[in-house]
Amino acid sequence: MELPDVGRRCSKEGCQRLDFLAAVCLHCDRPFCSAHASVFGHSCPRAPRGNIVEQPRPRMPLALAQPVQDAAKPPGGGPEQKKVLTPEQQQALALARWASSARSRPPSKPAGSPAVSPKIELMRLKAKATGNASIADADRVYLSIQWRGKATPVFLNANSVVGNAAAQLARQLRLTMLPDRLYRLLPPGASEPLASNKTFRELMANDDAARTLFNGCTLELSC
């Protein structure tokens, strides 16, 4: 979609292309697109026949190529006099400002990575999880177990009691098993562990617990 208020249209008859960086001919002082910026490209009627200058003025956004006027006071006071810059000086000044602003702009930040859907996360977890192969697929609950910053993908029986499953995971991770050491499972950031006397299926059927315990979630193992 063209933006009529930005850039300038090519003055070449039959072109009228909207160019955001239109070049201005040094001879006829008209804007042209890149294809017709050359004096030969637009058959410039004012170009000298014997000494044709090919290089057009620097191309830049129209907003930067507006006339510039400097206010100057004559020595000894008196009324202010406005000094109008020549077109060449205007172009050079605008180009310098443009380059300066481009250097001062902060680098653009790369776009963030798109969020992965829960279904994709669960598929990846299933592909890496280990557990008892005799557990039927309908009875499996897939979890990512965190222990001291390390994640272990596993699948457990959804009908198993949470307390027994925590002890089983501790043995699987070869943790120290002592009579007075009780391993528990907690949702990340939670202060209270999951009820150790309930099964995973019972907790997932509970609306409050289902917010933190679901197939494919992360649980922390603690003692």
N, C-alpha and C. Protein backbone atom coordinates (compact mmCIF):
# COMPACT_ATOMS: atom_id res chain seq x y z
N MET A 1 0.85 -1.19 0.00
CA MET A 1 0.00 0.00 0.00
C MET A 1 0.88 1.23 0.00
N GLU A 2 0.62 2.17 -0.88
CA GLU A 2 1.40 3.39 -0.98
C GLU A 2 0.99 4.37 0.10
N LEU A 3 1.97 5.15 0.56
CA LEU A 3 1.72 6.19 1.55
C LEU A 3 1.89 7.53 0.86
N PRO A 4 0.82 8.21 0.48
CA PRO A 4 0.94 9.42 -0.34
C PRO A 4 1.63 10.58 0.36
N ASP A 5 1.68 10.55 1.73
CA ASP A 5 2.27 11.67 2.45
C ASP A 5 3.75 11.45 2.72
N VAL A 6 4.32 10.35 2.27
CA VAL A 6 5.71 10.05 2.52
C VAL A 6 6.42 9.86 1.19
N GLY A 7 7.64 10.42 1.06
CA GLY A 7 8.40 10.28 -0.17
C GLY A 7 7.91 11.23 -1.27
N ARG A 8 8.44 11.04 -2.48
CA ARG A 8 8.06 11.87 -3.62
C ARG A 8 7.89 10.99 -4.84
N ARG A 9 7.06 11.43 -5.74
CA ARG A 9 6.82 10.67 -6.97
C ARG A 9 7.80 11.06 -8.06
N CYS A 10 8.17 10.10 -8.86
CA CYS A 10 9.11 10.32 -9.95
C CYS A 10 8.50 11.29 -10.97
N SER A 11 9.31 12.28 -11.40
CA SER A 11 8.82 13.28 -12.34
C SER A 11 8.88 12.81 -13.79
N LYS A 12 9.43 11.62 -14.01
CA LYS A 12 9.51 11.10 -15.37
C LYS A 12 8.11 10.84 -15.91
N GLU A 13 7.84 11.35 -17.07
CA GLU A 13 6.53 11.18 -17.66
C GLU A 13 6.24 9.69 -17.89
N GLY A 14 5.09 9.26 -17.40
CA GLY A 14 4.70 7.88 -17.54
C GLY A 14 5.16 6.98 -16.41
N CYS A 15 5.94 7.51 -15.47
CA CYS A 15 6.43 6.69 -14.35
C CYS A 15 5.60 6.96 -13.10
N GLN A 16 5.78 8.15 -12.51
CA GLN A 16 5.03 8.55 -11.31
C GLN A 16 5.20 7.56 -10.17
N ARG A 17 6.32 6.87 -10.11
CA ARG A 17 6.56 5.91 -9.03
C ARG A 17 6.85 6.64 -7.73
N LEU A 18 6.23 6.17 -6.63
CA LEU A 18 6.46 6.76 -5.32
C LEU A 18 7.75 6.20 -4.75
N ASP A 19 8.72 7.08 -4.49
CA ASP A 19 10.03 6.66 -3.99
C ASP A 19 10.29 7.36 -2.67
N PHE A 20 10.54 6.59 -1.62
CA PHE A 20 10.80 7.17 -0.31
C PHE A 20 12.17 7.86 -0.25
N LEU A 21 13.06 7.50 -1.16
CA LEU A 21 14.40 8.10 -1.21
C LEU A 21 14.63 8.66 -2.61
N ALA A 22 13.74 9.52 -3.02
CA ALA A 22 13.84 10.08 -4.37
C ALA A 22 15.12 10.91 -4.53
N ALA A 23 15.75 10.80 -5.69
CA ALA A 23 16.94 11.58 -6.01
C ALA A 23 16.52 12.84 -6.76
N VAL A 24 17.21 13.95 -6.46
CA VAL A 24 16.90 15.23 -7.10
C VAL A 24 17.99 15.54 -8.12
N CYS A 25 17.58 15.80 -9.35
CA CYS A 25 18.54 16.08 -10.42
C CYS A 25 19.23 17.41 -10.16
N LEU A 26 20.55 17.46 -10.38
CA LEU A 26 21.32 18.68 -10.16
C LEU A 26 21.01 19.76 -11.18
N HIS A 27 20.42 19.40 -12.30
CA HIS A 27 20.22 20.35 -13.38
C HIS A 27 18.78 20.89 -13.44
N CYS A 28 17.81 19.97 -13.43
CA CYS A 28 16.42 20.43 -13.52
C CYS A 28 15.74 20.53 -12.17
N ASP A 29 16.43 20.08 -11.11
CA ASP A 29 15.94 20.22 -9.73
C ASP A 29 14.59 19.53 -9.53
N ARG A 30 14.39 18.37 -10.18
CA ARG A 30 13.16 17.61 -10.02
C ARG A 30 13.49 16.24 -9.44
N PRO A 31 12.56 15.67 -8.64
CA PRO A 31 12.81 14.36 -8.04
C PRO A 31 12.55 13.22 -9.01
N PHE A 32 13.37 12.17 -8.91
CA PHE A 32 13.20 10.99 -9.76
C PHE A 32 13.46 9.74 -8.95
N CYS A 33 12.87 8.63 -9.38
CA CYS A 33 13.14 7.35 -8.75
C CYS A 33 14.53 6.87 -9.16
N SER A 34 14.97 5.77 -8.57
CA SER A 34 16.32 5.27 -8.85
C SER A 34 16.51 4.89 -10.31
N ALA A 35 15.44 4.46 -10.97
CA ALA A 35 15.56 4.05 -12.37
C ALA A 35 15.73 5.23 -13.32
N HIS A 36 15.27 6.43 -12.93
CA HIS A 36 15.32 7.60 -13.81
C HIS A 36 16.14 8.74 -13.23
N ALA A 37 16.98 8.46 -12.19
CA ALA A 37 17.75 9.51 -11.55
C ALA A 37 18.84 10.07 -12.48
N SER A 38 19.34 9.23 -13.40
CA SER A 38 20.37 9.66 -14.33
C SER A 38 19.79 10.68 -15.32
N VAL A 39 20.64 11.62 -15.77
CA VAL A 39 20.19 12.61 -16.76
C VAL A 39 19.78 11.91 -18.05
N PHE A 40 20.38 10.75 -18.32
CA PHE A 40 19.97 9.99 -19.49
C PHE A 40 18.65 9.27 -19.22
N GLY A 41 18.43 8.88 -17.93
CA GLY A 41 17.22 8.16 -17.58
C GLY A 41 15.97 8.99 -17.76
N HIS A 42 16.06 10.31 -17.50
CA HIS A 42 14.87 11.15 -17.69
C HIS A 42 15.05 12.20 -18.78
N SER A 43 16.13 12.03 -19.60
CA SER A 43 16.39 12.95 -20.72
C SER A 43 16.32 14.40 -20.25
N CYS A 44 17.20 14.71 -19.29
CA CYS A 44 17.15 16.03 -18.65
C CYS A 44 17.31 17.15 -19.70
N PRO A 45 16.35 18.07 -19.80
CA PRO A 45 16.43 19.14 -20.80
C PRO A 45 17.42 20.25 -20.43
N ARG A 46 17.83 20.30 -19.16
CA ARG A 46 18.72 21.37 -18.71
C ARG A 46 20.16 20.91 -18.53
N ALA A 47 20.43 19.67 -18.76
CA ALA A 47 21.79 19.17 -18.60
C ALA A 47 22.68 19.74 -19.71
N PRO A 48 23.91 20.22 -19.39
CA PRO A 48 24.83 20.72 -20.43
C PRO A 48 25.15 19.62 -21.43
N ARG A 49 25.14 19.99 -22.69
CA ARG A 49 25.36 19.00 -23.74
C ARG A 49 26.80 18.50 -23.77
N GLY A 50 27.73 19.41 -23.50
CA GLY A 50 29.13 19.01 -23.63
C GLY A 50 29.72 18.44 -22.37
N ASN A 51 29.11 18.71 -21.22
CA ASN A 51 29.69 18.25 -19.96
C ASN A 51 28.55 17.81 -19.04
N ILE A 52 28.05 16.63 -19.27
CA ILE A 52 26.91 16.13 -18.52
C ILE A 52 27.37 15.57 -17.18
N VAL A 53 26.76 16.04 -16.13
CA VAL A 53 27.07 15.54 -14.79
C VAL A 53 26.09 14.42 -14.47
N GLU A 54 26.60 13.25 -14.20
CA GLU A 54 25.75 12.09 -14.00
C GLU A 54 25.26 11.95 -12.58
N GLN A 55 26.05 12.42 -11.58
CA GLN A 55 25.73 12.10 -10.20
C GLN A 55 24.61 13.00 -9.68
N PRO A 56 23.45 12.42 -9.27
CA PRO A 56 22.38 13.23 -8.69
C PRO A 56 22.68 13.56 -7.24
N ARG A 57 21.84 14.36 -6.64
CA ARG A 57 22.02 14.69 -5.23
C ARG A 57 21.77 13.45 -4.38
N PRO A 58 22.30 13.45 -3.15
CA PRO A 58 22.10 12.27 -2.29
C PRO A 58 20.63 11.98 -2.08
N ARG A 59 20.29 10.68 -2.09
CA ARG A 59 18.92 10.27 -1.89
C ARG A 59 18.65 10.12 -0.41
N MET A 60 17.55 10.70 0.06
CA MET A 60 17.21 10.63 1.48
C MET A 60 15.72 10.88 1.62
N PRO A 61 15.16 10.54 2.81
CA PRO A 61 13.74 10.79 3.01
C PRO A 61 13.39 12.25 2.84
N LEU A 62 12.21 12.50 2.30
CA LEU A 62 11.79 13.86 2.02
C LEU A 62 11.75 14.70 3.28
N ALA A 63 11.38 14.07 4.42
CA ALA A 63 11.26 14.83 5.66
C ALA A 63 12.58 15.43 6.10
N LEU A 64 13.71 14.83 5.63
CA LEU A 64 15.02 15.34 6.01
C LEU A 64 15.57 16.35 5.02
N ALA A 65 14.90 16.52 3.90
CA ALA A 65 15.41 17.40 2.86
C ALA A 65 14.61 18.70 2.77
N GLN A 66 14.05 19.16 3.90
CA GLN A 66 13.30 20.39 3.90
C GLN A 66 14.25 21.59 3.96
N PRO A 67 13.87 22.75 3.45
CA PRO A 67 14.73 23.93 3.49
C PRO A 67 15.10 24.28 4.92
N VAL A 68 16.33 24.69 5.13
CA VAL A 68 16.83 25.06 6.45
C VAL A 68 17.24 26.52 6.41
N GLN A 69 16.86 27.26 7.44
CA GLN A 69 17.21 28.66 7.54
C GLN A 69 17.92 28.89 8.86
N ASP A 70 19.01 29.59 8.82
CA ASP A 70 19.77 29.93 10.03
C ASP A 70 19.60 31.41 10.32
N ALA A 71 19.36 31.73 11.58
CA ALA A 71 19.24 33.12 12.01
C ALA A 71 20.62 33.63 12.41
N ALA A 72 20.99 34.77 11.90
CA ALA A 72 22.31 35.34 12.21
C ALA A 72 22.15 36.82 12.50
N LYS A 73 22.87 37.28 13.51
CA LYS A 73 22.85 38.70 13.85
C LYS A 73 24.09 39.37 13.29
N PRO A 74 23.93 40.52 12.68
CA PRO A 74 25.11 41.22 12.17
C PRO A 74 25.93 41.78 13.33
N PRO A 75 27.25 42.02 13.13
CA PRO A 75 28.08 42.57 14.20
C PRO A 75 27.53 43.92 14.65
N GLY A 76 27.59 44.13 15.98
CA GLY A 76 27.15 45.41 16.53
C GLY A 76 25.66 45.49 16.73
N GLY A 77 24.95 44.40 16.68
CA GLY A 77 23.51 44.42 16.92
C GLY A 77 22.74 44.75 15.66
N GLY A 78 21.49 45.08 15.82
CA GLY A 78 20.65 45.38 14.68
C GLY A 78 19.63 44.28 14.45
N PRO A 79 18.76 44.45 13.50
CA PRO A 79 17.73 43.45 13.26
C PRO A 79 18.32 42.14 12.77
N GLU A 80 17.66 41.05 13.15
CA GLU A 80 18.13 39.73 12.72
C GLU A 80 17.94 39.57 11.21
N GLN A 81 18.89 38.89 10.62
CA GLN A 81 18.81 38.61 9.20
C GLN A 81 18.84 37.10 9.00
N LYS A 82 17.92 36.61 8.19
CA LYS A 82 17.85 35.18 7.92
C LYS A 82 18.73 34.82 6.73
N LYS A 83 19.60 33.84 6.98
CA LYS A 83 20.49 33.37 5.93
C LYS A 83 19.91 32.08 5.36
N VAL A 84 19.55 32.12 4.12
CA VAL A 84 18.97 30.96 3.46
C VAL A 84 20.08 30.14 2.83
N LEU A 85 20.13 28.85 3.17
CA LEU A 85 21.15 27.97 2.62
C LEU A 85 20.83 27.61 1.18
N THR A 86 21.86 27.35 0.44
CA THR A 86 21.68 26.90 -0.95
C THR A 86 21.14 25.47 -0.93
N PRO A 87 20.55 25.05 -2.03
CA PRO A 87 20.05 23.66 -2.07
C PRO A 87 21.12 22.62 -1.75
N GLU A 88 22.35 22.86 -2.24
CA GLU A 88 23.43 21.91 -1.97
C GLU A 88 23.76 21.86 -0.48
N GLN A 89 23.74 23.05 0.20
CA GLN A 89 24.01 23.09 1.63
C GLN A 89 22.89 22.43 2.42
N GLN A 90 21.65 22.62 1.96
CA GLN A 90 20.52 21.99 2.63
C GLN A 90 20.64 20.46 2.57
N GLN A 91 21.00 19.97 1.39
CA GLN A 91 21.15 18.52 1.22
C GLN A 91 22.25 17.98 2.11
N ALA A 92 23.40 18.67 2.15
CA ALA A 92 24.54 18.21 2.96
C ALA A 92 24.19 18.22 4.44
N LEU A 93 23.52 19.27 4.92
CA LEU A 93 23.14 19.38 6.32
C LEU A 93 22.13 18.30 6.70
N ALA A 94 21.14 18.10 5.83
CA ALA A 94 20.14 17.07 6.12
C ALA A 94 20.76 15.68 6.14
N LEU A 95 21.71 15.43 5.22
CA LEU A 95 22.38 14.14 5.18
C LEU A 95 23.20 13.92 6.44
N ALA A 96 23.86 14.97 6.94
CA ALA A 96 24.65 14.85 8.17
C ALA A 96 23.76 14.55 9.36
N ARG A 97 22.60 15.23 9.42
CA ARG A 97 21.67 14.97 10.53
C ARG A 97 21.12 13.55 10.46
N TRP A 98 20.82 13.12 9.25
CA TRP A 98 20.30 11.77 9.06
C TRP A 98 21.31 10.73 9.53
N ALA A 99 22.57 10.89 9.13
CA ALA A 99 23.60 9.94 9.52
C ALA A 99 23.83 9.96 11.03
N SER A 100 23.77 11.16 11.64
CA SER A 100 23.96 11.26 13.08
C SER A 100 22.85 10.57 13.84
N SER A 101 21.60 10.75 13.39
CA SER A 101 20.48 10.11 14.08
C SER A 101 20.52 8.60 13.90
N ALA A 102 21.01 8.13 12.75
CA ALA A 102 21.10 6.69 12.52
C ALA A 102 22.13 6.05 13.45
N ARG A 103 23.25 6.77 13.72
CA ARG A 103 24.26 6.24 14.63
C ARG A 103 23.78 6.23 16.07
N SER A 104 22.92 7.16 16.44
CA SER A 104 22.47 7.26 17.83
C SER A 104 21.32 6.33 18.15
N ARG A 105 20.71 5.72 17.14
CA ARG A 105 19.60 4.82 17.42
C ARG A 105 20.11 3.54 18.08
N PRO A 106 19.41 3.04 19.13
CA PRO A 106 19.83 1.78 19.75
C PRO A 106 19.59 0.62 18.80
N PRO A 107 20.42 -0.42 18.87
CA PRO A 107 20.22 -1.57 17.99
C PRO A 107 18.90 -2.24 18.27
N SER A 108 18.27 -2.70 17.22
CA SER A 108 16.98 -3.35 17.36
C SER A 108 17.16 -4.69 18.06
N LYS A 109 16.19 -5.01 18.91
CA LYS A 109 16.24 -6.26 19.65
C LYS A 109 15.67 -7.39 18.81
N PRO A 110 16.32 -8.53 18.86
CA PRO A 110 15.77 -9.65 18.10
C PRO A 110 14.42 -10.08 18.66
N ALA A 111 13.60 -10.56 17.76
CA ALA A 111 12.28 -11.00 18.20
C ALA A 111 12.41 -12.19 19.12
N GLY A 112 11.52 -12.19 20.15
CA GLY A 112 11.54 -13.30 21.08
C GLY A 112 11.09 -14.59 20.44
N SER A 113 11.55 -15.70 21.02
CA SER A 113 11.17 -16.99 20.50
C SER A 113 9.69 -17.23 20.74
N PRO A 114 8.98 -17.78 19.77
CA PRO A 114 7.55 -18.04 19.96
C PRO A 114 7.32 -19.08 21.04
N ALA A 115 6.23 -18.93 21.79
CA ALA A 115 5.90 -19.86 22.87
C ALA A 115 5.52 -21.23 22.29
N VAL A 116 5.99 -22.29 22.98
CA VAL A 116 5.69 -23.64 22.53
C VAL A 116 4.38 -24.07 23.19
N SER A 117 3.49 -24.66 22.42
CA SER A 117 2.19 -25.07 22.93
C SER A 117 2.36 -26.22 23.93
N PRO A 118 1.44 -26.34 24.91
CA PRO A 118 1.52 -27.44 25.88
C PRO A 118 1.51 -28.82 25.22
N LYS A 119 0.80 -28.96 24.11
CA LYS A 119 0.76 -30.25 23.42
C LYS A 119 2.14 -30.63 22.90
N ILE A 120 2.86 -29.66 22.34
CA ILE A 120 4.22 -29.95 21.84
C ILE A 120 5.15 -30.29 23.00
N GLU A 121 5.01 -29.56 24.11
CA GLU A 121 5.84 -29.84 25.29
C GLU A 121 5.58 -31.26 25.80
N LEU A 122 4.31 -31.67 25.82
CA LEU A 122 3.98 -33.02 26.28
C LEU A 122 4.54 -34.07 25.34
N MET A 123 4.48 -33.83 24.04
CA MET A 123 5.03 -34.78 23.08
C MET A 123 6.54 -34.95 23.28
N ARG A 124 7.24 -33.83 23.53
CA ARG A 124 8.69 -33.90 23.76
C ARG A 124 8.99 -34.65 25.06
N LEU A 125 8.16 -34.42 26.08
CA LEU A 125 8.36 -35.10 27.36
C LEU A 125 8.14 -36.60 27.22
N LYS A 126 7.10 -37.00 26.48
CA LYS A 126 6.83 -38.42 26.28
C LYS A 126 7.97 -39.11 25.55
N ALA A 127 8.60 -38.40 24.61
CA ALA A 127 9.69 -39.00 23.84
C ALA A 127 10.93 -39.27 24.70
N LYS A 128 11.10 -38.53 25.80
CA LYS A 128 12.30 -38.67 26.63
C LYS A 128 12.04 -39.40 27.95
N ALA A 129 10.77 -39.53 28.34
CA ALA A 129 10.44 -40.06 29.67
C ALA A 129 10.79 -41.53 29.80
N THR A 130 11.18 -41.92 31.02
CA THR A 130 11.47 -43.32 31.34
C THR A 130 10.54 -43.75 32.48
N GLY A 131 10.28 -45.04 32.56
CA GLY A 131 9.42 -45.57 33.62
C GLY A 131 9.17 -47.04 33.40
N ASN A 132 8.21 -47.57 34.16
CA ASN A 132 7.85 -48.98 34.09
C ASN A 132 7.04 -49.23 32.82
N ALA A 133 7.60 -50.01 31.92
CA ALA A 133 6.96 -50.24 30.62
C ALA A 133 5.66 -51.02 30.75
N SER A 134 5.43 -51.67 31.90
CA SER A 134 4.20 -52.46 32.06
C SER A 134 2.99 -51.57 32.36
N ILE A 135 3.20 -50.29 32.63
CA ILE A 135 2.07 -49.39 32.91
C ILE A 135 1.34 -49.11 31.60
N ALA A 136 0.03 -49.32 31.60
CA ALA A 136 -0.77 -49.07 30.40
C ALA A 136 -0.73 -47.59 30.04
N ASP A 137 -0.85 -47.31 28.75
CA ASP A 137 -0.79 -45.92 28.29
C ASP A 137 -1.87 -45.07 28.94
N ALA A 138 -3.05 -45.65 29.15
CA ALA A 138 -4.16 -44.87 29.73
C ALA A 138 -3.91 -44.53 31.19
N ASP A 139 -3.01 -45.27 31.85
CA ASP A 139 -2.75 -45.04 33.28
C ASP A 139 -1.46 -44.25 33.51
N ARG A 140 -0.79 -43.83 32.45
CA ARG A 140 0.48 -43.12 32.62
C ARG A 140 0.25 -41.62 32.83
N VAL A 141 1.02 -41.06 33.74
CA VAL A 141 1.07 -39.61 33.92
C VAL A 141 2.53 -39.19 33.73
N TYR A 142 2.74 -38.27 32.80
CA TYR A 142 4.10 -37.84 32.44
C TYR A 142 4.45 -36.59 33.22
N LEU A 143 5.64 -36.63 33.84
CA LEU A 143 6.08 -35.52 34.70
C LEU A 143 7.55 -35.20 34.41
N SER A 144 7.91 -33.94 34.67
CA SER A 144 9.31 -33.53 34.65
C SER A 144 9.70 -33.28 36.11
N ILE A 145 10.54 -34.14 36.66
CA ILE A 145 10.89 -34.08 38.07
C ILE A 145 12.18 -33.26 38.24
N GLN A 146 12.10 -32.22 39.05
CA GLN A 146 13.25 -31.36 39.31
C GLN A 146 13.90 -31.75 40.64
N TRP A 147 15.21 -31.98 40.59
CA TRP A 147 15.98 -32.25 41.82
C TRP A 147 17.30 -31.49 41.75
N ARG A 148 17.38 -30.45 42.58
CA ARG A 148 18.59 -29.62 42.65
C ARG A 148 18.98 -29.08 41.28
N GLY A 149 17.99 -28.53 40.56
CA GLY A 149 18.24 -27.86 39.29
C GLY A 149 18.32 -28.76 38.08
N LYS A 150 18.24 -30.08 38.29
CA LYS A 150 18.31 -31.01 37.16
C LYS A 150 16.94 -31.61 36.93
N ALA A 151 16.49 -31.62 35.65
CA ALA A 151 15.17 -32.14 35.29
C ALA A 151 15.30 -33.57 34.77
N THR A 152 14.40 -34.43 35.25
CA THR A 152 14.37 -35.82 34.81
C THR A 152 12.97 -36.14 34.30
N PRO A 153 12.79 -36.44 33.01
CA PRO A 153 11.46 -36.79 32.48
C PRO A 153 11.10 -38.24 32.83
N VAL A 154 9.94 -38.44 33.43
CA VAL A 154 9.51 -39.78 33.84
C VAL A 154 8.03 -39.94 33.55
N PHE A 155 7.57 -41.20 33.61
CA PHE A 155 6.13 -41.45 33.62
C PHE A 155 5.84 -42.42 34.76
N LEU A 156 4.73 -42.15 35.48
CA LEU A 156 4.33 -42.94 36.63
C LEU A 156 2.91 -43.43 36.42
N ASN A 157 2.50 -44.33 37.31
CA ASN A 157 1.13 -44.82 37.29
C ASN A 157 0.23 -43.79 37.94
N ALA A 158 -0.78 -43.33 37.23
CA ALA A 158 -1.68 -42.32 37.76
C ALA A 158 -2.45 -42.81 38.97
N ASN A 159 -2.53 -44.14 39.16
CA ASN A 159 -3.25 -44.69 40.30
C ASN A 159 -2.34 -44.90 41.51
N SER A 160 -1.06 -44.55 41.39
CA SER A 160 -0.14 -44.72 42.52
C SER A 160 -0.28 -43.56 43.49
N VAL A 161 -0.01 -43.85 44.78
CA VAL A 161 -0.08 -42.82 45.82
C VAL A 161 1.12 -41.90 45.69
N VAL A 162 0.90 -40.62 45.89
CA VAL A 162 1.95 -39.63 45.67
C VAL A 162 3.15 -39.88 46.58
N GLY A 163 2.91 -40.22 47.85
CA GLY A 163 4.02 -40.47 48.77
C GLY A 163 4.88 -41.62 48.33
N ASN A 164 4.25 -42.72 47.88
CA ASN A 164 5.01 -43.87 47.39
C ASN A 164 5.77 -43.53 46.12
N ALA A 165 5.16 -42.72 45.24
CA ALA A 165 5.82 -42.32 43.99
C ALA A 165 7.04 -41.46 44.28
N ALA A 166 6.95 -40.58 45.29
CA ALA A 166 8.10 -39.74 45.64
C ALA A 166 9.27 -40.60 46.13
N ALA A 167 8.97 -41.61 46.95
CA ALA A 167 10.03 -42.51 47.42
C ALA A 167 10.62 -43.30 46.26
N GLN A 168 9.76 -43.75 45.34
CA GLN A 168 10.23 -44.47 44.16
C GLN A 168 11.15 -43.61 43.31
N LEU A 169 10.81 -42.33 43.14
CA LEU A 169 11.65 -41.42 42.36
C LEU A 169 12.99 -41.18 43.06
N ALA A 170 12.98 -41.09 44.37
CA ALA A 170 14.23 -40.91 45.11
C ALA A 170 15.16 -42.10 44.91
N ARG A 171 14.59 -43.31 44.93
CA ARG A 171 15.42 -44.50 44.67
C ARG A 171 15.92 -44.52 43.23
N GLN A 172 15.06 -44.09 42.30
CA GLN A 172 15.46 -44.06 40.89
C GLN A 172 16.60 -43.07 40.67
N LEU A 173 16.61 -41.99 41.42
CA LEU A 173 17.68 -41.00 41.31
C LEU A 173 18.86 -41.32 42.22
N ARG A 174 18.78 -42.48 42.92
CA ARG A 174 19.86 -42.96 43.80
C ARG A 174 20.15 -41.98 44.92
N LEU A 175 19.06 -41.48 45.51
CA LEU A 175 19.21 -40.59 46.65
C LEU A 175 19.26 -41.41 47.94
N THR A 176 19.78 -40.79 48.97
CA THR A 176 19.91 -41.48 50.26
C THR A 176 18.53 -41.77 50.84
N MET A 177 18.31 -43.03 51.20
CA MET A 177 17.03 -43.45 51.77
C MET A 177 17.23 -43.77 53.24
N LEU A 178 16.67 -42.96 54.12
CA LEU A 178 16.73 -43.16 55.56
C LEU A 178 15.33 -43.18 56.14
N PRO A 179 15.13 -43.87 57.27
CA PRO A 179 13.78 -43.94 57.85
C PRO A 179 13.20 -42.58 58.21
N ASP A 180 14.05 -41.66 58.63
CA ASP A 180 13.55 -40.34 59.03
C ASP A 180 13.54 -39.33 57.88
N ARG A 181 13.88 -39.77 56.69
CA ARG A 181 13.89 -38.86 55.54
C ARG A 181 12.69 -39.14 54.66
N LEU A 182 11.81 -38.16 54.56
CA LEU A 182 10.59 -38.30 53.79
C LEU A 182 10.66 -37.42 52.55
N TYR A 183 10.57 -38.02 51.40
CA TYR A 183 10.60 -37.27 50.14
C TYR A 183 9.18 -36.87 49.76
N ARG A 184 9.06 -35.65 49.23
CA ARG A 184 7.76 -35.10 48.86
C ARG A 184 7.85 -34.49 47.47
N LEU A 185 6.69 -34.29 46.87
CA LEU A 185 6.59 -33.66 45.55
C LEU A 185 5.82 -32.36 45.69
N LEU A 186 6.40 -31.28 45.14
CA LEU A 186 5.79 -29.96 45.22
C LEU A 186 5.69 -29.34 43.83
N PRO A 187 4.62 -28.61 43.54
CA PRO A 187 4.59 -27.78 42.33
C PRO A 187 5.65 -26.68 42.45
N PRO A 188 6.26 -26.23 41.35
CA PRO A 188 7.30 -25.19 41.41
C PRO A 188 6.82 -23.93 42.13
N GLY A 189 7.58 -23.48 43.11
CA GLY A 189 7.25 -22.26 43.84
C GLY A 189 6.23 -22.43 44.94
N ALA A 190 5.67 -23.64 45.11
CA ALA A 190 4.65 -23.87 46.13
C ALA A 190 5.30 -24.10 47.48
N SER A 191 4.62 -23.71 48.54
CA SER A 191 5.12 -23.92 49.89
C SER A 191 4.60 -25.22 50.50
N GLU A 192 3.50 -25.74 49.97
CA GLU A 192 2.91 -26.97 50.48
C GLU A 192 3.08 -28.08 49.44
N PRO A 193 3.48 -29.28 49.90
CA PRO A 193 3.63 -30.40 48.96
C PRO A 193 2.27 -30.98 48.59
N LEU A 194 2.29 -31.84 47.58
CA LEU A 194 1.07 -32.57 47.22
C LEU A 194 0.71 -33.54 48.34
N ALA A 195 -0.58 -33.76 48.50
CA ALA A 195 -1.03 -34.69 49.54
C ALA A 195 -0.43 -36.07 49.28
N SER A 196 0.37 -36.56 50.24
CA SER A 196 1.10 -37.82 50.04
C SER A 196 0.20 -39.04 50.12
N ASN A 197 -1.03 -38.90 50.68
CA ASN A 197 -1.93 -40.05 50.82
C ASN A 197 -2.96 -40.13 49.71
N LYS A 198 -2.83 -39.27 48.69
CA LYS A 198 -3.75 -39.26 47.55
C LYS A 198 -3.04 -39.80 46.30
N THR A 199 -3.82 -40.33 45.37
CA THR A 199 -3.24 -40.77 44.11
C THR A 199 -3.17 -39.59 43.14
N PHE A 200 -2.35 -39.72 42.13
CA PHE A 200 -2.25 -38.67 41.11
C PHE A 200 -3.60 -38.45 40.43
N ARG A 201 -4.32 -39.52 40.17
CA ARG A 201 -5.60 -39.40 39.49
C ARG A 201 -6.61 -38.64 40.35
N GLU A 202 -6.60 -38.89 41.64
CA GLU A 202 -7.51 -38.19 42.55
C GLU A 202 -7.20 -36.70 42.59
N LEU A 203 -5.92 -36.36 42.64
CA LEU A 203 -5.54 -34.94 42.70
C LEU A 203 -5.85 -34.23 41.39
N MET A 204 -5.64 -34.90 40.27
CA MET A 204 -5.91 -34.26 38.97
C MET A 204 -7.40 -34.08 38.73
N ALA A 205 -8.22 -34.86 39.43
CA ALA A 205 -9.67 -34.69 39.31
C ALA A 205 -10.16 -33.52 40.16
N ASN A 206 -9.33 -33.05 41.09
CA ASN A 206 -9.69 -31.91 41.93
C ASN A 206 -9.39 -30.61 41.19
N ASP A 207 -10.36 -29.72 41.12
CA ASP A 207 -10.20 -28.49 40.33
C ASP A 207 -9.04 -27.64 40.83
N ASP A 208 -8.88 -27.52 42.16
CA ASP A 208 -7.81 -26.67 42.70
C ASP A 208 -6.44 -27.27 42.43
N ALA A 209 -6.30 -28.58 42.65
CA ALA A 209 -5.01 -29.23 42.44
C ALA A 209 -4.68 -29.36 40.96
N ALA A 210 -5.70 -29.44 40.10
CA ALA A 210 -5.47 -29.64 38.66
C ALA A 210 -4.79 -28.44 38.02
N ARG A 211 -4.80 -27.29 38.70
CA ARG A 211 -4.13 -26.11 38.15
C ARG A 211 -2.61 -26.27 38.16
N THR A 212 -2.09 -27.06 39.12
CA THR A 212 -0.64 -27.26 39.22
C THR A 212 -0.21 -28.69 38.93
N LEU A 213 -1.16 -29.64 38.95
CA LEU A 213 -0.84 -31.03 38.67
C LEU A 213 -1.63 -31.48 37.45
N PHE A 214 -0.93 -31.74 36.36
CA PHE A 214 -1.56 -32.19 35.13
C PHE A 214 -0.54 -32.97 34.32
N ASN A 215 -1.01 -33.66 33.33
CA ASN A 215 -0.15 -34.49 32.50
C ASN A 215 0.85 -33.61 31.74
N GLY A 216 2.15 -33.78 32.03
CA GLY A 216 3.19 -32.98 31.39
C GLY A 216 3.71 -31.85 32.26
N CYS A 217 3.26 -31.74 33.52
CA CYS A 217 3.69 -30.64 34.37
C CYS A 217 5.05 -30.91 35.00
N THR A 218 5.59 -29.93 35.70
CA THR A 218 6.86 -30.04 36.40
C THR A 218 6.62 -30.09 37.90
N LEU A 219 7.28 -31.03 38.59
CA LEU A 219 7.20 -31.14 40.05
C LEU A 219 8.60 -31.16 40.62
N GLU A 220 8.75 -30.59 41.81
CA GLU A 220 10.04 -30.57 42.49
C GLU A 220 10.07 -31.67 43.56
N LEU A 221 11.15 -32.42 43.59
CA LEU A 221 11.34 -33.46 44.61
C LEU A 221 12.14 -32.85 45.76
N SER A 222 11.61 -32.94 46.95
CA SER A 222 12.29 -32.37 48.12
C SER A 222 12.16 -33.31 49.29
N CYS A 223 12.91 -33.01 50.33
CA CYS A 223 12.84 -33.85 51.54
C CYS A 223 12.94 -32.96 52.78
